[in-house]
Amino acid sequence: MIITSNRDTAEWLAMFDDVLLAQSAVDRFKNSAYDFVIEGESYRARLKPTIDASAPAPDAPAMKQKIHPRSRTRRRH
């Protein structure tokens, strides 16, 4: 099982309504878990489209490419 979060496990307790159940769940996750902390530049900033101010406005809004949910690779144009 892979669980990802942008919060430290110490902050998870505040996300649950019942503190006792939260503590039990977090204990079980942390007991046999491996922590991978990824630091560095976000890919979101690199993939964000840029706007060319000197270019003319587009005729239609940009549409996101539809990908079949079971497809593992994206097709590139």
Protein backbone atom coordinates (compact mmCIF):
# COMPACT_ATOMS: atom_id res chain seq x y z
CA MET A 1 0.00 0.00 0.00
CA ILE A 2 1.32 3.43 -0.89
CA ILE A 3 0.08 6.45 1.00
CA THR A 4 1.19 9.90 -0.02
CA SER A 5 0.74 13.16 1.80
CA ASN A 6 2.18 16.61 1.77
CA ARG A 7 1.84 16.69 5.57
CA ASP A 8 4.04 15.16 8.24
CA THR A 9 2.53 12.15 10.03
CA ALA A 10 2.46 14.23 13.24
CA GLU A 11 -0.15 16.44 11.54
CA TRP A 12 -2.38 13.51 10.55
CA LEU A 13 -4.06 13.27 13.95
CA ALA A 14 -5.79 16.61 13.40
CA MET A 15 -7.40 15.23 10.23
CA PHE A 16 -9.44 12.58 12.08
CA ASP A 17 -12.57 13.15 14.15
CA ASP A 18 -11.65 10.50 16.73
CA VAL A 19 -8.17 11.01 18.22
CA LEU A 20 -7.96 7.44 19.59
CA LEU A 21 -8.71 5.90 16.18
CA ALA A 22 -6.35 8.35 14.52
CA GLN A 23 -3.51 7.44 16.85
CA SER A 24 -4.10 3.71 16.23
CA ALA A 25 -4.14 4.14 12.45
CA VAL A 26 -1.05 6.35 12.36
CA ASP A 27 0.82 3.98 14.70
CA ARG A 28 0.11 1.05 12.39
CA PHE A 29 1.19 2.99 9.32
CA LYS A 30 4.39 4.26 10.90
CA ASN A 31 5.35 0.92 12.49
CA SER A 32 6.20 -0.80 9.21
CA ALA A 33 6.48 2.15 6.84
CA TYR A 34 9.32 3.60 4.86
CA ASP A 35 9.45 7.39 4.63
CA PHE A 36 10.56 8.86 1.33
CA VAL A 37 10.98 12.60 1.56
CA ILE A 38 11.27 14.19 -1.84
CA GLU A 39 12.77 17.64 -1.92
CA GLY A 40 13.47 19.91 -4.83
CA GLU A 41 11.68 21.84 -7.51
CA SER A 42 8.08 20.90 -8.17
CA TYR A 43 7.23 19.40 -11.55
CA ARG A 44 4.07 21.50 -11.56
CA ALA A 45 6.08 24.67 -12.11
CA ARG A 46 8.03 23.07 -14.98
CA LEU A 47 4.92 21.76 -16.72
CA LYS A 48 2.88 24.94 -16.32
CA PRO A 49 2.16 26.48 -19.72
CA THR A 50 3.65 29.88 -20.41
CA ILE A 51 1.86 32.79 -22.01
CA ASP A 52 3.51 34.67 -24.83
CA ALA A 53 2.28 38.26 -24.51
CA SER A 54 3.24 39.10 -28.09
CA ALA A 55 1.27 36.20 -29.61
CA PRO A 56 -2.32 36.70 -30.77
CA ALA A 57 -5.15 35.39 -28.60
CA PRO A 58 -6.25 31.82 -29.39
CA ASP A 59 -9.48 31.25 -31.32
CA ALA A 60 -10.73 28.64 -28.82
CA PRO A 61 -9.81 27.57 -25.30
CA ALA A 62 -7.15 24.90 -24.96
CA MET A 63 -8.60 21.45 -24.35
CA LYS A 64 -6.95 18.88 -22.14
CA GLN A 65 -6.08 15.66 -23.96
CA LYS A 66 -8.36 12.79 -22.94
CA ILE A 67 -6.55 9.63 -21.89
CA HIS A 68 -8.15 6.26 -21.43
CA PRO A 69 -8.06 5.42 -17.68
CA ARG A 70 -6.32 2.10 -18.30
CA SER A 71 -3.70 3.55 -20.61
CA ARG A 72 -0.24 3.63 -19.06
CA THR A 73 1.39 5.99 -21.52
CA ARG A 74 0.39 9.34 -22.88
CA ARG A 75 0.39 9.93 -26.57
CA ARG A 76 2.43 12.90 -27.68
CA HIS A 77 1.61 14.99 -30.71
